[in-house]
PDB file of all heavy atoms in Angstrom:
ATOM      1  N   LYS A   1       2.539 -11.160  -6.813  1.00  0.00           N
ATOM      2  CA  LYS A   1       2.662 -10.723  -5.344  1.00  0.00           C
ATOM      3  C   LYS A   1       3.769 -11.360  -4.696  1.00  0.00           C
ATOM      4  O   LYS A   1       4.197 -12.539  -4.989  1.00  0.00           O
ATOM      5  CB  LYS A   1       1.308 -11.188  -4.651  1.00  0.00           C
ATOM      6  CG  LYS A   1       0.072 -10.529  -5.038  1.00  0.00           C
ATOM      7  CD  LYS A   1      -1.073 -10.922  -4.147  1.00  0.00           C
ATOM      8  CE  LYS A   1      -2.369 -10.086  -4.463  1.00  0.00           C
ATOM      9  NZ  LYS A   1      -3.427 -10.896  -5.009  1.00  0.00           N
ATOM     10  N   LEU A   2       4.341 -10.702  -3.673  1.00  0.00           N
ATOM     11  CA  LEU A   2       5.269 -11.224  -2.764  1.00  0.00           C
ATOM     12  C   LEU A   2       4.737 -11.161  -1.396  1.00  0.00           C
ATOM     13  O   LEU A   2       4.259 -10.160  -0.958  1.00  0.00           O
ATOM     14  CB  LEU A   2       6.598 -10.417  -2.917  1.00  0.00           C
ATOM     15  CG  LEU A   2       7.742 -10.819  -1.903  1.00  0.00           C
ATOM     16  CD1 LEU A   2       8.242 -12.232  -2.151  1.00  0.00           C
ATOM     17  CD2 LEU A   2       8.882  -9.857  -2.051  1.00  0.00           C
ATOM     18  N   ARG A   3       4.785 -12.361  -0.789  1.00  0.00           N
ATOM     19  CA  ARG A   3       4.227 -12.418   0.632  1.00  0.00           C
ATOM     20  C   ARG A   3       5.304 -13.028   1.548  1.00  0.00           C
ATOM     21  O   ARG A   3       6.072 -13.808   1.137  1.00  0.00           O
ATOM     22  CB  ARG A   3       2.960 -13.221   0.730  1.00  0.00           C
ATOM     23  CG  ARG A   3       1.818 -12.830  -0.097  1.00  0.00           C
ATOM     24  CD  ARG A   3       0.555 -13.711   0.172  1.00  0.00           C
ATOM     25  NE  ARG A   3      -0.452 -13.317  -0.721  1.00  0.00           N
ATOM     26  CZ  ARG A   3      -0.626 -14.026  -1.856  1.00  0.00           C
ATOM     27  NH1 ARG A   3       0.147 -15.032  -2.226  1.00  0.00           N
ATOM     28  NH2 ARG A   3      -1.545 -13.727  -2.824  1.00  0.00           N
ATOM     29  N   VAL A   4       5.170 -12.722   2.878  1.00  0.00           N
ATOM     30  CA  VAL A   4       6.089 -13.419   3.787  1.00  0.00           C
ATOM     31  C   VAL A   4       5.124 -13.916   4.895  1.00  0.00           C
ATOM     32  O   VAL A   4       4.244 -13.244   5.377  1.00  0.00           O
ATOM     33  CB  VAL A   4       6.980 -12.297   4.386  1.00  0.00           C
ATOM     34  CG1 VAL A   4       7.901 -13.123   5.305  1.00  0.00           C
ATOM     35  CG2 VAL A   4       7.870 -11.659   3.256  1.00  0.00           C
ATOM     36  N   PHE A   5       5.430 -15.215   5.196  1.00  0.00           N
ATOM     37  CA  PHE A   5       4.746 -15.799   6.322  1.00  0.00           C
ATOM     38  C   PHE A   5       5.743 -16.310   7.403  1.00  0.00           C
ATOM     39  O   PHE A   5       6.752 -16.631   7.125  1.00  0.00           O
ATOM     40  CB  PHE A   5       4.056 -17.156   5.722  1.00  0.00           C
ATOM     41  CG  PHE A   5       2.975 -16.963   4.673  1.00  0.00           C
ATOM     42  CD1 PHE A   5       3.285 -16.820   3.333  1.00  0.00           C
ATOM     43  CD2 PHE A   5       1.707 -16.890   5.159  1.00  0.00           C
ATOM     44  CE1 PHE A   5       2.282 -16.613   2.483  1.00  0.00           C
ATOM     45  CE2 PHE A   5       0.669 -16.759   4.151  1.00  0.00           C
ATOM     46  CZ  PHE A   5       0.862 -16.522   2.860  1.00  0.00           C
ATOM     47  N   LEU A   6       5.225 -16.253   8.660  1.00  0.00           N
ATOM     48  CA  LEU A   6       5.880 -16.888   9.760  1.00  0.00           C
ATOM     49  C   LEU A   6       5.279 -18.173  10.154  1.00  0.00           C
ATOM     50  O   LEU A   6       4.044 -18.398   9.949  1.00  0.00           O
ATOM     51  CB  LEU A   6       5.876 -15.952  10.955  1.00  0.00           C
ATOM     52  CG  LEU A   6       6.449 -14.522  10.745  1.00  0.00           C
ATOM     53  CD1 LEU A   6       6.196 -13.756  12.076  1.00  0.00           C
ATOM     54  CD2 LEU A   6       7.927 -14.583  10.408  1.00  0.00           C
ATOM     55  N   ALA A   7       6.193 -19.201  10.473  1.00  0.00           N
ATOM     56  CA  ALA A   7       5.719 -20.554  10.642  1.00  0.00           C
ATOM     57  C   ALA A   7       4.606 -20.741  11.591  1.00  0.00           C
ATOM     58  O   ALA A   7       3.758 -21.529  11.400  1.00  0.00           O
ATOM     59  CB  ALA A   7       6.845 -21.383  11.070  1.00  0.00           C
ATOM     60  N   ASN A   8       4.686 -19.867  12.702  1.00  0.00           N
ATOM     61  CA  ASN A   8       3.555 -20.097  13.718  1.00  0.00           C
ATOM     62  C   ASN A   8       2.363 -19.287  13.451  1.00  0.00           C
ATOM     63  O   ASN A   8       1.310 -19.304  14.235  1.00  0.00           O
ATOM     64  CB  ASN A   8       4.088 -19.775  15.125  1.00  0.00           C
ATOM     65  CG  ASN A   8       4.701 -18.368  15.098  1.00  0.00           C
ATOM     66  OD1 ASN A   8       4.722 -17.659  14.143  1.00  0.00           O
ATOM     67  ND2 ASN A   8       5.074 -17.951  16.305  1.00  0.00           N
ATOM     68  N   LYS A   9       2.337 -18.576  12.235  1.00  0.00           N
ATOM     69  CA  LYS A   9       1.094 -17.849  11.768  1.00  0.00           C
ATOM     70  C   LYS A   9       0.769 -18.194  10.454  1.00  0.00           C
ATOM     71  O   LYS A   9       0.817 -17.314   9.478  1.00  0.00           O
ATOM     72  CB  LYS A   9       1.317 -16.325  12.021  1.00  0.00           C
ATOM     73  CG  LYS A   9       1.605 -15.892  13.466  1.00  0.00           C
ATOM     74  CD  LYS A   9       1.727 -14.281  13.401  1.00  0.00           C
ATOM     75  CE  LYS A   9       1.954 -13.801  14.881  1.00  0.00           C
ATOM     76  NZ  LYS A   9       3.183 -14.368  15.458  1.00  0.00           N
ATOM     77  N   LYS A  10       0.631 -19.489  10.088  1.00  0.00           N
ATOM     78  CA  LYS A  10       0.614 -19.964   8.675  1.00  0.00           C
ATOM     79  C   LYS A  10      -0.474 -19.344   7.896  1.00  0.00           C
ATOM     80  O   LYS A  10      -0.349 -19.236   6.694  1.00  0.00           O
ATOM     81  CB  LYS A  10       0.430 -21.444   8.667  1.00  0.00           C
ATOM     82  CG  LYS A  10       1.693 -22.201   8.825  1.00  0.00           C
ATOM     83  CD  LYS A  10       1.580 -23.683   8.453  1.00  0.00           C
ATOM     84  CE  LYS A  10       2.891 -24.452   8.367  1.00  0.00           C
ATOM     85  NZ  LYS A  10       3.636 -24.455   9.669  1.00  0.00           N
ATOM     86  N   THR A  11      -1.673 -19.028   8.478  1.00  0.00           N
ATOM     87  CA  THR A  11      -2.732 -18.701   7.671  1.00  0.00           C
ATOM     88  C   THR A  11      -2.638 -17.368   6.967  1.00  0.00           C
ATOM     89  O   THR A  11      -3.019 -17.237   5.829  1.00  0.00           O
ATOM     90  CB  THR A  11      -3.984 -18.723   8.593  1.00  0.00           C
ATOM     91  OG1 THR A  11      -3.715 -17.840   9.756  1.00  0.00           O
ATOM     92  CG2 THR A  11      -4.366 -20.060   9.035  1.00  0.00           C
ATOM     93  N   ALA A  12      -2.125 -16.310   7.638  1.00  0.00           N
ATOM     94  CA  ALA A  12      -2.181 -15.010   6.930  1.00  0.00           C
ATOM     95  C   ALA A  12      -0.724 -14.599   6.797  1.00  0.00           C
ATOM     96  O   ALA A  12       0.132 -14.722   7.721  1.00  0.00           O
ATOM     97  CB  ALA A  12      -2.946 -13.951   7.832  1.00  0.00           C
ATOM     98  N   PRO A  13      -0.427 -13.817   5.774  1.00  0.00           N
ATOM     99  CA  PRO A  13       0.908 -13.285   5.611  1.00  0.00           C
ATOM    100  C   PRO A  13       1.130 -12.210   6.613  1.00  0.00           C
ATOM    101  O   PRO A  13       0.231 -11.466   6.929  1.00  0.00           O
ATOM    102  CB  PRO A  13       0.956 -12.786   4.177  1.00  0.00           C
ATOM    103  CG  PRO A  13      -0.428 -12.686   3.754  1.00  0.00           C
ATOM    104  CD  PRO A  13      -1.301 -13.508   4.580  1.00  0.00           C
ATOM    105  N   VAL A  14       2.370 -11.936   7.047  1.00  0.00           N
ATOM    106  CA  VAL A  14       2.681 -10.959   8.032  1.00  0.00           C
ATOM    107  C   VAL A  14       3.239  -9.753   7.115  1.00  0.00           C
ATOM    108  O   VAL A  14       3.282  -8.579   7.693  1.00  0.00           O
ATOM    109  CB  VAL A  14       3.793 -11.305   8.931  1.00  0.00           C
ATOM    110  CG1 VAL A  14       3.226 -12.357   9.878  1.00  0.00           C
ATOM    111  CG2 VAL A  14       5.013 -11.859   8.229  1.00  0.00           C
ATOM    112  N   TRP A  15       3.374  -9.953   5.887  1.00  0.00           N
ATOM    113  CA  TRP A  15       3.861  -8.836   4.974  1.00  0.00           C
ATOM    114  C   TRP A  15       3.440  -9.223   3.540  1.00  0.00           C
ATOM    115  O   TRP A  15       3.523 -10.364   3.174  1.00  0.00           O
ATOM    116  CB  TRP A  15       5.335  -8.826   5.077  1.00  0.00           C
ATOM    117  CG  TRP A  15       5.921  -7.648   4.328  1.00  0.00           C
ATOM    118  CD1 TRP A  15       6.387  -6.300   4.787  1.00  0.00           C
ATOM    119  CD2 TRP A  15       6.372  -7.608   2.974  1.00  0.00           C
ATOM    120  NE1 TRP A  15       6.894  -5.646   3.922  1.00  0.00           N
ATOM    121  CE2 TRP A  15       6.968  -6.331   2.723  1.00  0.00           C
ATOM    122  CE3 TRP A  15       6.347  -8.528   1.904  1.00  0.00           C
ATOM    123  CZ2 TRP A  15       7.537  -5.974   1.489  1.00  0.00           C
ATOM    124  CZ3 TRP A  15       6.869  -8.180   0.723  1.00  0.00           C
ATOM    125  CH2 TRP A  15       7.398  -6.909   0.522  1.00  0.00           C
ATOM    126  N   GLU A  16       3.005  -8.193   2.799  1.00  0.00           N
ATOM    127  CA  GLU A  16       2.557  -8.458   1.419  1.00  0.00           C
ATOM    128  C   GLU A  16       2.802  -7.247   0.468  1.00  0.00           C
ATOM    129  O   GLU A  16       2.512  -6.152   0.993  1.00  0.00           O
ATOM    130  CB  GLU A  16       1.120  -8.897   1.302  1.00  0.00           C
ATOM    131  CG  GLU A  16       0.645  -9.271  -0.050  1.00  0.00           C
ATOM    132  CD  GLU A  16      -0.766  -9.856  -0.054  1.00  0.00           C
ATOM    133  OE1 GLU A  16      -1.267 -10.206   1.018  1.00  0.00           O
ATOM    134  OE2 GLU A  16      -1.416  -9.992  -1.099  1.00  0.00           O
ATOM    135  N   GLU A  17       3.275  -7.438  -0.746  1.00  0.00           N
ATOM    136  CA  GLU A  17       3.357  -6.396  -1.619  1.00  0.00           C
ATOM    137  C   GLU A  17       2.951  -6.872  -2.967  1.00  0.00           C
ATOM    138  O   GLU A  17       3.368  -7.916  -3.379  1.00  0.00           O
ATOM    139  CB  GLU A  17       4.882  -5.876  -1.692  1.00  0.00           C
ATOM    140  CG  GLU A  17       5.074  -4.646  -2.526  1.00  0.00           C
ATOM    141  CD  GLU A  17       4.396  -3.484  -1.888  1.00  0.00           C
ATOM    142  OE1 GLU A  17       4.822  -2.980  -0.797  1.00  0.00           O
ATOM    143  OE2 GLU A  17       3.599  -2.860  -2.621  1.00  0.00           O
ATOM    144  N   ASN A  18       2.097  -6.094  -3.739  1.00  0.00           N
ATOM    145  CA  ASN A  18       1.727  -6.639  -5.037  1.00  0.00           C
ATOM    146  C   ASN A  18       1.983  -5.838  -6.284  1.00  0.00           C
ATOM    147  O   ASN A  18       1.562  -6.166  -7.373  1.00  0.00           O
ATOM    148  CB  ASN A  18       0.182  -6.964  -4.876  1.00  0.00           C
ATOM    149  CG  ASN A  18      -0.622  -5.718  -4.714  1.00  0.00           C
ATOM    150  OD1 ASN A  18      -0.110  -4.638  -4.717  1.00  0.00           O
ATOM    151  ND2 ASN A  18      -1.920  -5.834  -4.535  1.00  0.00           N
ATOM    152  N   LYS A  19       2.683  -4.676  -6.044  1.00  0.00           N
ATOM    153  CA  LYS A  19       3.079  -4.092  -7.329  1.00  0.00           C
ATOM    154  C   LYS A  19       4.325  -3.174  -7.041  1.00  0.00           C
ATOM    155  O   LYS A  19       4.340  -2.552  -6.066  1.00  0.00           O
ATOM    156  CB  LYS A  19       2.035  -3.369  -8.091  1.00  0.00           C
ATOM    157  CG  LYS A  19       1.333  -2.226  -7.416  1.00  0.00           C
ATOM    158  CD  LYS A  19       0.448  -1.562  -8.492  1.00  0.00           C
ATOM    159  CE  LYS A  19      -0.385  -0.526  -7.970  1.00  0.00           C
ATOM    160  NZ  LYS A  19      -1.527  -0.956  -7.055  1.00  0.00           N
ATOM    161  N   GLY A  20       5.198  -3.023  -7.942  1.00  0.00           N
ATOM    162  CA  GLY A  20       6.278  -2.268  -7.863  1.00  0.00           C
ATOM    163  C   GLY A  20       6.024  -0.881  -8.538  1.00  0.00           C
ATOM    164  O   GLY A  20       5.320  -0.895  -9.615  1.00  0.00           O
ATOM    165  N   LYS A  21       6.423   0.195  -7.867  1.00  0.00           N
ATOM    166  CA  LYS A  21       6.227   1.468  -8.424  1.00  0.00           C
ATOM    167  C   LYS A  21       7.218   1.627  -9.602  1.00  0.00           C
ATOM    168  O   LYS A  21       7.031   2.423 -10.521  1.00  0.00           O
ATOM    169  CB  LYS A  21       6.400   2.615  -7.424  1.00  0.00           C
ATOM    170  CG  LYS A  21       5.414   2.519  -6.302  1.00  0.00           C
ATOM    171  CD  LYS A  21       5.943   3.504  -5.234  1.00  0.00           C
ATOM    172  CE  LYS A  21       5.233   3.217  -3.821  1.00  0.00           C
ATOM    173  NZ  LYS A  21       5.490   1.884  -3.294  1.00  0.00           N
ATOM    174  N   ASP A  22       8.323   1.008  -9.455  1.00  0.00           N
ATOM    175  CA  ASP A  22       9.394   1.103 -10.504  1.00  0.00           C
ATOM    176  C   ASP A  22      10.249  -0.166 -10.309  1.00  0.00           C
ATOM    177  O   ASP A  22       9.911  -1.040  -9.702  1.00  0.00           O
ATOM    178  CB  ASP A  22      10.238   2.374 -10.276  1.00  0.00           C
ATOM    179  CG  ASP A  22      10.681   2.493  -8.842  1.00  0.00           C
ATOM    180  OD1 ASP A  22      11.013   1.443  -8.177  1.00  0.00           O
ATOM    181  OD2 ASP A  22      10.595   3.643  -8.311  1.00  0.00           O
ATOM    182  N   GLU A  23      11.448  -0.131 -11.048  1.00  0.00           N
ATOM    183  CA  GLU A  23      12.238  -1.321 -10.913  1.00  0.00           C
ATOM    184  C   GLU A  23      13.221  -1.347  -9.698  1.00  0.00           C
ATOM    185  O   GLU A  23      14.089  -2.259  -9.584  1.00  0.00           O
ATOM    186  CB  GLU A  23      13.137  -1.364 -12.192  1.00  0.00           C
ATOM    187  CG  GLU A  23      12.385  -1.234 -13.514  1.00  0.00           C
ATOM    188  CD  GLU A  23      11.876  -2.574 -14.039  1.00  0.00           C
ATOM    189  OE1 GLU A  23      12.713  -3.438 -14.203  1.00  0.00           O
ATOM    190  OE2 GLU A  23      10.763  -2.714 -14.444  1.00  0.00           O
ATOM    191  N   LYS A  24      13.040  -0.403  -8.836  1.00  0.00           N
ATOM    192  CA  LYS A  24      14.049  -0.171  -7.804  1.00  0.00           C
ATOM    193  C   LYS A  24      13.827  -1.235  -6.685  1.00  0.00           C
ATOM    194  O   LYS A  24      12.787  -1.742  -6.456  1.00  0.00           O
ATOM    195  CB  LYS A  24      13.760   1.169  -7.079  1.00  0.00           C
ATOM    196  CG  LYS A  24      14.280   2.413  -7.934  1.00  0.00           C
ATOM    197  CD  LYS A  24      14.442   3.542  -6.988  1.00  0.00           C
ATOM    198  CE  LYS A  24      14.939   4.757  -7.778  1.00  0.00           C
ATOM    199  NZ  LYS A  24      13.918   5.563  -8.309  1.00  0.00           N
ATOM    200  N   TRP A  25      15.012  -1.501  -5.897  1.00  0.00           N
ATOM    201  CA  TRP A  25      14.823  -2.330  -4.786  1.00  0.00           C
ATOM    202  C   TRP A  25      14.326  -1.488  -3.684  1.00  0.00           C
ATOM    203  O   TRP A  25      14.751  -0.347  -3.500  1.00  0.00           O
ATOM    204  CB  TRP A  25      16.345  -2.853  -4.423  1.00  0.00           C
ATOM    205  CG  TRP A  25      16.791  -3.897  -5.430  1.00  0.00           C
ATOM    206  CD1 TRP A  25      17.383  -3.730  -6.666  1.00  0.00           C
ATOM    207  CD2 TRP A  25      16.523  -5.333  -5.172  1.00  0.00           C
ATOM    208  NE1 TRP A  25      17.600  -4.926  -7.168  1.00  0.00           N
ATOM    209  CE2 TRP A  25      17.121  -5.991  -6.454  1.00  0.00           C
ATOM    210  CE3 TRP A  25      15.924  -6.139  -4.304  1.00  0.00           C
ATOM    211  CZ2 TRP A  25      17.057  -7.330  -6.587  1.00  0.00           C
ATOM    212  CZ3 TRP A  25      15.951  -7.522  -4.524  1.00  0.00           C
ATOM    213  CH2 TRP A  25      16.500  -8.116  -5.579  1.00  0.00           C
ATOM    214  N   ARG A  26      13.625  -2.079  -2.764  1.00  0.00           N
ATOM    215  CA  ARG A  26      13.062  -1.513  -1.591  1.00  0.00           C
ATOM    216  C   ARG A  26      13.448  -2.446  -0.389  1.00  0.00           C
ATOM    217  O   ARG A  26      13.811  -3.531  -0.579  1.00  0.00           O
ATOM    218  CB  ARG A  26      11.540  -1.425  -1.688  1.00  0.00           C
ATOM    219  CG  ARG A  26      11.045  -0.730  -2.898  1.00  0.00           C
ATOM    220  CD  ARG A  26      10.028   0.274  -2.648  1.00  0.00           C
ATOM    221  NE  ARG A  26       9.522   0.931  -3.933  1.00  0.00           N
ATOM    222  CZ  ARG A  26      10.218   1.957  -4.489  1.00  0.00           C
ATOM    223  NH1 ARG A  26      11.340   2.392  -3.934  1.00  0.00           N
ATOM    224  NH2 ARG A  26       9.731   2.486  -5.568  1.00  0.00           N
ATOM    225  N   THR A  27      13.168  -1.822   0.810  1.00  0.00           N
ATOM    226  CA  THR A  27      13.444  -2.536   1.967  1.00  0.00           C
ATOM    227  C   THR A  27      12.232  -2.973   2.786  1.00  0.00           C
ATOM    228  O   THR A  27      11.324  -2.097   2.902  1.00  0.00           O
ATOM    229  CB  THR A  27      14.375  -1.755   2.984  1.00  0.00           C
ATOM    230  OG1 THR A  27      15.523  -1.342   2.219  1.00  0.00           O
ATOM    231  CG2 THR A  27      14.735  -2.470   4.232  1.00  0.00           C
ATOM    232  N   GLY A  28      12.146  -4.233   3.133  1.00  0.00           N
ATOM    233  CA  GLY A  28      10.959  -4.693   3.896  1.00  0.00           C
ATOM    234  C   GLY A  28      11.431  -5.026   5.311  1.00  0.00           C
ATOM    235  O   GLY A  28      12.632  -5.399   5.444  1.00  0.00           O
ATOM    236  N   LYS A  29      10.532  -4.838   6.411  1.00  0.00           N
ATOM    237  CA  LYS A  29      10.919  -5.145   7.656  1.00  0.00           C
ATOM    238  C   LYS A  29       9.785  -5.926   8.340  1.00  0.00           C
ATOM    239  O   LYS A  29       8.569  -5.448   8.165  1.00  0.00           O
ATOM    240  CB  LYS A  29      11.098  -3.843   8.595  1.00  0.00           C
ATOM    241  CG  LYS A  29      12.461  -3.125   8.075  1.00  0.00           C
ATOM    242  CD  LYS A  29      12.543  -1.847   9.058  1.00  0.00           C
ATOM    243  CE  LYS A  29      13.570  -0.879   8.464  1.00  0.00           C
ATOM    244  NZ  LYS A  29      13.532   0.343   9.190  1.00  0.00           N
ATOM    245  N   ILE A  30      10.138  -6.877   9.051  1.00  0.00           N
ATOM    246  CA  ILE A  30       9.036  -7.626   9.844  1.00  0.00           C
ATOM    247  C   ILE A  30       9.525  -7.877  11.213  1.00  0.00           C
ATOM    248  O   ILE A  30      10.665  -8.418  11.517  1.00  0.00           O
ATOM    249  CB  ILE A  30       8.825  -9.094   9.150  1.00  0.00           C
ATOM    250  CG1 ILE A  30       8.305  -8.720   7.657  1.00  0.00           C
ATOM    251  CG2 ILE A  30       7.894  -9.819   9.922  1.00  0.00           C
ATOM    252  CD1 ILE A  30       8.375 -10.041   6.896  1.00  0.00           C
ATOM    253  N   GLU A  31       8.666  -7.584  12.209  1.00  0.00           N
ATOM    254  CA  GLU A  31       9.002  -7.906  13.605  1.00  0.00           C
ATOM    255  C   GLU A  31       8.585  -9.292  13.858  1.00  0.00           C
ATOM    256  O   GLU A  31       7.518  -9.766  13.448  1.00  0.00           O
ATOM    257  CB  GLU A  31       8.107  -6.987  14.538  1.00  0.00           C
ATOM    258  CG  GLU A  31       8.192  -5.458  14.200  1.00  0.00           C
ATOM    259  CD  GLU A  31       9.257  -4.832  15.215  1.00  0.00           C
ATOM    260  OE1 GLU A  31       9.545  -5.362  16.281  1.00  0.00           O
ATOM    261  OE2 GLU A  31       9.726  -3.749  14.693  1.00  0.00           O
ATOM    262  N   ILE A  32       9.479  -9.981  14.469  1.00  0.00           N
ATOM    263  CA  ILE A  32       9.216 -11.410  14.976  1.00  0.00           C
ATOM    264  C   ILE A  32       9.277 -11.402  16.416  1.00  0.00           C
ATOM    265  O   ILE A  32      10.281 -11.235  17.030  1.00  0.00           O
ATOM    266  CB  ILE A  32      10.216 -12.283  14.401  1.00  0.00           C
ATOM    267  CG1 ILE A  32      10.270 -12.267  12.828  1.00  0.00           C
ATOM    268  CG2 ILE A  32       9.976 -13.865  14.876  1.00  0.00           C
ATOM    269  CD1 ILE A  32      11.205 -13.191  12.198  1.00  0.00           C
ATOM    270  N   PHE A  33       8.140 -11.645  17.107  1.00  0.00           N
ATOM    271  CA  PHE A  33       8.034 -11.693  18.559  1.00  0.00           C
ATOM    272  C   PHE A  33       7.961 -13.229  18.886  1.00  0.00           C
ATOM    273  O   PHE A  33       7.056 -13.887  18.479  1.00  0.00           O
ATOM    274  CB  PHE A  33       6.769 -10.932  19.093  1.00  0.00           C
ATOM    275  CG  PHE A  33       6.694  -9.530  18.820  1.00  0.00           C
ATOM    276  CD1 PHE A  33       5.944  -8.989  17.871  1.00  0.00           C
ATOM    277  CD2 PHE A  33       7.683  -8.700  19.571  1.00  0.00           C
ATOM    278  CE1 PHE A  33       5.982  -7.689  17.526  1.00  0.00           C
ATOM    279  CE2 PHE A  33       7.597  -7.321  19.237  1.00  0.00           C
ATOM    280  CZ  PHE A  33       6.870  -6.763  18.277  1.00  0.00           C
ATOM    281  N   GLN A  34       8.965 -13.566  19.641  1.00  0.00           N
ATOM    282  CA  GLN A  34       8.870 -14.966  20.034  1.00  0.00           C
ATOM    283  C   GLN A  34       8.198 -15.159  21.441  1.00  0.00           C
ATOM    284  O   GLN A  34       8.446 -14.560  22.391  1.00  0.00           O
ATOM    285  CB  GLN A  34      10.417 -15.444  20.470  1.00  0.00           C
ATOM    286  CG  GLN A  34      11.206 -15.453  19.144  1.00  0.00           C
ATOM    287  CD  GLN A  34      10.849 -16.462  18.044  1.00  0.00           C
ATOM    288  OE1 GLN A  34       9.758 -16.457  17.537  1.00  0.00           O
ATOM    289  NE2 GLN A  34      11.751 -17.340  17.857  1.00  0.00           N
ATOM    290  N   GLY A  35       7.088 -15.855  21.291  1.00  0.00           N
ATOM    291  CA  GLY A  35       6.351 -16.154  22.522  1.00  0.00           C
ATOM    292  C   GLY A  35       6.909 -17.451  23.152  1.00  0.00           C
ATOM    293  O   GLY A  35       8.019 -17.794  22.951  1.00  0.00           O
ATOM    294  N   ALA A  36       6.045 -18.270  23.849  1.00  0.00           N
ATOM    295  CA  ALA A  36       6.511 -19.443  24.369  1.00  0.00           C
ATOM    296  C   ALA A  36       6.779 -20.340  23.271  1.00  0.00           C
ATOM    297  O   ALA A  36       7.711 -21.195  23.291  1.00  0.00           O
ATOM    298  CB  ALA A  36       5.378 -20.030  25.191  1.00  0.00           C
ATOM    299  N   GLU A  37       6.028 -20.200  22.067  1.00  0.00           N
ATOM    300  CA  GLU A  37       6.337 -21.063  20.988  1.00  0.00           C
ATOM    301  C   GLU A  37       7.020 -20.236  19.960  1.00  0.00           C
ATOM    302  O   GLU A  37       6.678 -19.154  19.647  1.00  0.00           O
ATOM    303  CB  GLU A  37       4.852 -21.360  20.399  1.00  0.00           C
ATOM    304  CG  GLU A  37       4.790 -21.566  18.963  1.00  0.00           C
ATOM    305  CD  GLU A  37       3.315 -21.678  18.490  1.00  0.00           C
ATOM    306  OE1 GLU A  37       2.384 -21.698  19.311  1.00  0.00           O
ATOM    307  OE2 GLU A  37       3.078 -21.888  17.256  1.00  0.00           O
ATOM    308  N   THR A  38       8.201 -20.755  19.578  1.00  0.00           N
ATOM    309  CA  THR A  38       9.106 -19.975  18.766  1.00  0.00           C
ATOM    310  C   THR A  38       8.869 -20.077  17.276  1.00  0.00           C
ATOM    311  O   THR A  38       8.354 -21.150  16.759  1.00  0.00           O
ATOM    312  CB  THR A  38      10.544 -20.257  19.046  1.00  0.00           C
ATOM    313  OG1 THR A  38      10.853 -21.530  18.742  1.00  0.00           O
ATOM    314  CG2 THR A  38      10.953 -19.885  20.464  1.00  0.00           C
ATOM    315  N   THR A  39       9.122 -19.015  16.536  1.00  0.00           N
ATOM    316  CA  THR A  39       9.088 -19.097  15.106  1.00  0.00           C
ATOM    317  C   THR A  39      10.198 -19.966  14.538  1.00  0.00           C
ATOM    318  O   THR A  39      11.405 -19.470  14.827  1.00  0.00           O
ATOM    319  CB  THR A  39       9.055 -17.681  14.498  1.00  0.00           C
ATOM    320  OG1 THR A  39       7.970 -16.958  14.957  1.00  0.00           O
ATOM    321  CG2 THR A  39       9.017 -17.678  12.941  1.00  0.00           C
ATOM    322  N   ASN A  40      10.050 -20.960  13.813  1.00  0.00           N
ATOM    323  CA  ASN A  40      11.216 -21.744  13.349  1.00  0.00           C
ATOM    324  C   ASN A  40      11.380 -21.546  11.825  1.00  0.00           C
ATOM    325  O   ASN A  40      12.366 -22.108  11.292  1.00  0.00           O
ATOM    326  CB  ASN A  40      11.057 -23.238  13.763  1.00  0.00           C
ATOM    327  CG  ASN A  40       9.848 -23.842  13.152  1.00  0.00           C
ATOM    328  OD1 ASN A  40       9.147 -23.171  12.361  1.00  0.00           O
ATOM    329  ND2 ASN A  40       9.520 -25.036  13.581  1.00  0.00           N
ATOM    330  N   SER A  41      10.606 -20.777  11.217  1.00  0.00           N
ATOM    331  CA  SER A  41      10.887 -20.495   9.774  1.00  0.00           C
ATOM    332  C   SER A  41      10.070 -19.304   9.290  1.00  0.00           C
ATOM    333  O   SER A  41       9.047 -18.858   9.859  1.00  0.00           O
ATOM    334  CB  SER A  41      10.548 -21.684   8.845  1.00  0.00           C
ATOM    335  OG  SER A  41       9.193 -21.903   8.809  1.00  0.00           O
ATOM    336  N   VAL A  42      10.617 -18.740   8.259  1.00  0.00           N
ATOM    337  CA  VAL A  42      10.099 -17.617   7.503  1.00  0.00           C
ATOM    338  C   VAL A  42       9.963 -17.956   5.989  1.00  0.00           C
ATOM    339  O   VAL A  42      10.923 -18.511   5.485  1.00  0.00           O
ATOM    340  CB  VAL A  42      10.886 -16.297   7.592  1.00  0.00           C
ATOM    341  CG1 VAL A  42      10.343 -15.161   6.753  1.00  0.00           C
ATOM    342  CG2 VAL A  42      11.064 -15.862   9.019  1.00  0.00           C
ATOM    343  N   THR A  43       8.823 -17.759   5.417  1.00  0.00           N
ATOM    344  CA  THR A  43       8.652 -18.239   4.081  1.00  0.00           C
ATOM    345  C   THR A  43       8.356 -16.994   3.183  1.00  0.00           C
ATOM    346  O   THR A  43       7.436 -16.243   3.461  1.00  0.00           O
ATOM    347  CB  THR A  43       7.468 -19.286   4.026  1.00  0.00           C
ATOM    348  OG1 THR A  43       7.694 -20.286   4.747  1.00  0.00           O
ATOM    349  CG2 THR A  43       7.276 -19.634   2.468  1.00  0.00           C
ATOM    350  N   PHE A  44       9.150 -16.923   2.135  1.00  0.00           N
ATOM    351  CA  PHE A  44       8.905 -15.920   1.063  1.00  0.00           C
ATOM    352  C   PHE A  44       8.177 -16.586  -0.104  1.00  0.00           C
ATOM    353  O   PHE A  44       8.635 -17.572  -0.661  1.00  0.00           O
ATOM    354  CB  PHE A  44      10.252 -15.395   0.536  1.00  0.00           C
ATOM    355  CG  PHE A  44      11.002 -14.495   1.513  1.00  0.00           C
ATOM    356  CD1 PHE A  44      11.801 -15.020   2.477  1.00  0.00           C
ATOM    357  CD2 PHE A  44      10.841 -13.037   1.447  1.00  0.00           C
ATOM    358  CE1 PHE A  44      12.434 -14.218   3.429  1.00  0.00           C
ATOM    359  CE2 PHE A  44      11.450 -12.272   2.355  1.00  0.00           C
ATOM    360  CZ  PHE A  44      12.294 -12.828   3.319  1.00  0.00           C
TER     361      PHE A  44
END
């Protein structure tokens, strides 16, 4: 699996993919909304 976490939402991934349909590269997109507390890291 590949997951993406935002620092201020540590518990649950904001994005996850667990199998490729083929060997191709795909594009992932994640919206990051900065509230009063800002996101200071993204973890793959």
